[in-house]
Protein backbone atom coordinates (compact mmCIF):
# COMPACT_ATOMS: atom_id res chain seq x y z
CA ASP A 1 6.90 -5.14 -19.93
CA GLN A 2 3.54 -3.33 -19.60
CA LYS A 3 1.56 -6.11 -21.26
CA LEU A 4 -0.96 -6.43 -18.43
CA ILE A 5 -3.45 -4.16 -16.68
CA TYR A 6 -4.38 -4.87 -13.06
CA GLN A 7 -7.73 -3.76 -11.62
CA THR A 8 -8.98 -4.27 -8.08
CA GLN A 9 -12.62 -5.08 -7.39
CA TRP A 10 -13.03 -3.00 -4.25
CA PHE A 11 -16.57 -4.17 -3.47
CA ASP A 12 -15.56 -7.81 -3.88
CA THR A 13 -12.49 -9.95 -3.19
CA LYS A 14 -10.75 -10.12 -6.54
CA LEU A 15 -7.93 -8.66 -8.59
CA THR A 16 -8.60 -8.75 -12.33
CA VAL A 17 -5.85 -9.02 -14.92
CA PHE A 18 -6.39 -7.86 -18.51
CA ASP A 19 -4.25 -8.04 -21.63
CA ARG A 20 -3.34 -4.40 -22.33
CA THR A 21 -3.34 -4.75 -26.12
CA THR A 22 -6.49 -6.83 -26.68
CA GLY A 23 -8.45 -5.90 -23.55
CA LYS A 24 -9.24 -9.58 -22.99
CA LEU A 25 -9.60 -11.00 -19.51
CA VAL A 26 -6.51 -12.93 -18.47
CA ARG A 27 -7.64 -13.97 -14.97
CA ASN A 28 -9.48 -13.12 -11.79
CA ILE A 29 -7.72 -14.04 -8.57
CA ASP A 30 -9.19 -13.96 -5.07
CA VAL A 31 -6.98 -11.76 -2.85
CA GLY A 32 -9.15 -10.78 0.16
CA GLU A 33 -11.92 -8.42 1.27
CA ALA A 34 -12.10 -5.04 -0.47
CA PRO A 35 -8.84 -4.92 -2.47
CA ALA A 36 -8.20 -1.20 -2.84
CA HIS A 37 -5.04 -0.36 -4.79
CA VAL A 38 -2.48 -2.23 -6.85
CA MET A 39 1.18 -1.53 -7.70
CA THR A 40 3.88 -3.57 -9.37
CA ARG A 41 7.25 -3.88 -7.67
CA VAL A 42 9.93 -2.22 -9.80
CA ASP A 43 12.73 -4.70 -9.13
CA THR A 44 10.82 -8.01 -9.41
CA ASP A 45 7.52 -7.19 -11.18
CA GLN A 46 5.62 -8.77 -8.29
CA VAL A 47 2.15 -7.32 -7.76
CA HIS A 48 1.10 -5.73 -4.44
CA VAL A 49 -2.56 -5.21 -3.53
CA SER A 50 -3.72 -3.39 -0.39
CA ILE A 51 -6.56 -5.30 1.26
CA ASN A 52 -8.70 -2.49 2.65
CA GLY A 53 -11.28 -4.80 4.23
CA GLU A 54 -8.61 -6.60 6.23
CA GLY A 55 -5.15 -5.85 7.57
CA ASP A 56 -2.55 -6.71 5.00
CA VAL A 57 -1.03 -6.21 1.60
CA VAL A 58 -1.03 -9.24 -0.66
CA GLU A 59 2.10 -9.94 -2.70
CA LEU A 60 1.46 -11.88 -5.89
CA SER A 61 3.79 -13.45 -8.42
CA PRO A 62 4.62 -11.47 -11.59
CA GLY A 63 1.47 -11.46 -13.71
CA ALA A 64 -0.61 -12.06 -10.56
CA GLN A 65 -0.80 -15.80 -11.13
CA TYR A 66 -0.78 -16.73 -7.44
CA ILE A 67 -0.35 -15.23 -3.97
CA GLU A 68 3.22 -15.48 -2.68
CA ARG A 69 2.73 -13.95 0.77
CA ARG A 70 0.66 -11.61 2.90
CA LEU A 71 2.36 -8.61 4.50
CA ALA A 72 0.70 -7.59 7.78
CA THR A 73 0.23 -3.86 8.33
CA GLN A 74 -0.51 -4.17 12.06
CA TYR A 75 1.09 -6.12 14.86
CA ALA A 76 -0.55 -9.24 16.31
CA GLY A 77 -3.46 -8.31 18.57
CA GLU A 78 -4.01 -4.86 17.02
CA SER A 79 -7.17 -3.88 15.14
CA ALA A 80 -7.12 -4.52 11.40
CA ALA A 81 -5.32 -1.56 9.85
CA GLN A 82 -7.37 -1.56 6.63
CA PRO A 83 -4.53 -0.30 4.39
CA HIS A 84 -5.54 1.74 1.39
CA ALA A 85 -3.43 3.51 -1.28
CA HIS A 86 0.10 2.21 -0.56
CA TRP A 87 3.35 3.35 -2.19
CA MET A 88 6.63 1.62 -3.07
CA SER A 89 10.13 3.07 -3.01
CA HIS A 90 12.12 3.38 -6.22
CA ASP A 91 14.17 0.28 -5.39
CA GLY A 92 11.27 -1.93 -4.23
CA LYS A 93 12.64 -2.25 -0.69
CA ILE A 94 10.19 -0.04 1.24
CA MET A 95 6.41 0.11 1.17
CA VAL A 96 4.27 2.55 3.12
CA THR A 97 0.57 2.13 3.77
CA PRO A 98 -2.02 4.60 5.00
CA ASN A 99 -4.10 2.66 7.53
CA SER A 100 -7.65 3.97 7.41
CA ASN A 101 -8.85 2.10 10.49
CA THR A 102 -5.99 2.92 12.86
CA ASN A 103 -5.04 6.53 11.95
CA ASP A 104 -1.44 5.64 11.27
CA SER A 105 0.93 4.53 8.55
CA THR A 106 3.02 1.38 8.34
CA ARG A 107 6.50 1.24 6.84
CA LEU A 108 7.17 -2.28 5.59
CA ASP A 109 10.56 -3.79 4.88
CA ILE A 110 9.72 -5.65 1.68
CA PRO A 111 12.68 -8.06 1.46
CA SER A 112 11.93 -9.46 4.94
CA GLY A 113 8.16 -8.92 4.70
CA THR A 114 8.02 -7.37 8.17
CA ILE A 115 6.76 -4.18 9.75
CA ALA A 116 9.68 -1.81 10.18
CA GLU A 117 7.75 0.94 11.95
CA LYS A 118 4.34 2.54 12.44
CA THR A 119 3.79 6.30 12.58
CA ALA A 120 0.71 8.19 13.76
CA THR A 121 -0.98 10.36 11.12
CA GLY A 122 -4.22 12.35 10.92
CA PHE A 123 -7.73 10.92 10.86
CA LEU A 124 -8.71 8.39 8.18
CA PRO A 125 -5.48 8.22 6.17
CA ILE A 126 -6.35 7.01 2.68
CA ALA A 127 -3.47 7.68 0.29
CA SER A 128 0.30 7.92 0.27
CA SER A 129 3.16 8.96 -1.98
CA MET A 130 6.93 9.03 -1.66
CA MET A 131 9.82 11.19 -2.78
CA PRO A 132 11.80 9.59 -5.65
CA ASP A 133 14.81 9.08 -3.35
CA ALA A 134 12.62 7.58 -0.55
CA SER A 135 13.78 10.31 1.86
CA LYS A 136 10.25 11.12 2.99
CA TYR A 137 6.68 10.20 2.28
CA TYR A 138 3.27 11.81 2.46
CA VAL A 139 -0.06 10.55 3.75
CA SER A 140 -3.37 12.26 2.96
CA ASN A 141 -5.77 12.22 5.91
CA PHE A 142 -9.35 12.48 4.71
CA LEU A 143 -11.24 13.43 7.88
CA SER A 144 -8.65 15.81 9.32
CA SER A 145 -8.04 17.52 5.94
CA THR A 146 -4.29 17.23 6.42
CA ILE A 147 -1.24 15.75 4.75
CA SER A 148 1.28 14.10 7.07
CA VAL A 149 4.92 14.55 6.04
CA ILE A 150 7.10 11.71 7.36
CA ASP A 151 10.91 11.68 7.23
CA LEU A 152 12.54 8.35 6.33
CA LYS A 153 16.21 9.41 6.50
CA GLY A 154 16.88 8.47 10.12
CA PRO A 155 16.70 5.10 11.85
CA HIS A 156 13.00 5.66 12.61
CA PRO A 157 10.33 7.44 10.57
CA THR A 158 9.62 10.86 12.05
CA LEU A 159 6.49 12.91 11.56
CA ILE A 160 7.85 16.28 10.35
CA LYS A 161 4.51 18.07 10.22
CA ASN A 162 0.87 17.88 9.30
CA ILE A 163 -0.05 20.30 6.53
CA ASP A 164 -3.51 21.76 7.21
CA LEU A 165 -5.32 21.90 3.87
CA LEU A 166 -8.12 24.08 5.24
CA ALA A 167 -5.80 26.84 6.46
């Protein structure tokens, strides 16, 4: 209903919630080290925050009143992925994360809360976006000055190409 504004405190551990009309603080909630980006889920209004200082995305209740679950962006035993600017599909079923520490991207199945697939990208991926129909997504790679284009139509995500932004 667009009554709240969510703001991450990247150099801290908190997500801040404000009343959009009055600007008053509603709450601060501890979510983990270096929360980077926040999105609301279109089908449930749950709040998702990428935890850039760790290896997961935190899913909070509508209004960010409490943490419901943590969605890992790397498999057990792997280095912390340090997800950054994630993106949600139009139906709230798929999330993709650019993993700045592991030079890849994770596709999460949101209903089950599990990793569906990981795809290699360029160096230091920091942001993502998705086509409105969730047919493909894009990852910007800061240090390689590229954008990875990843197809989601098949059973497994496929890297279509890396667009060289310096060319």
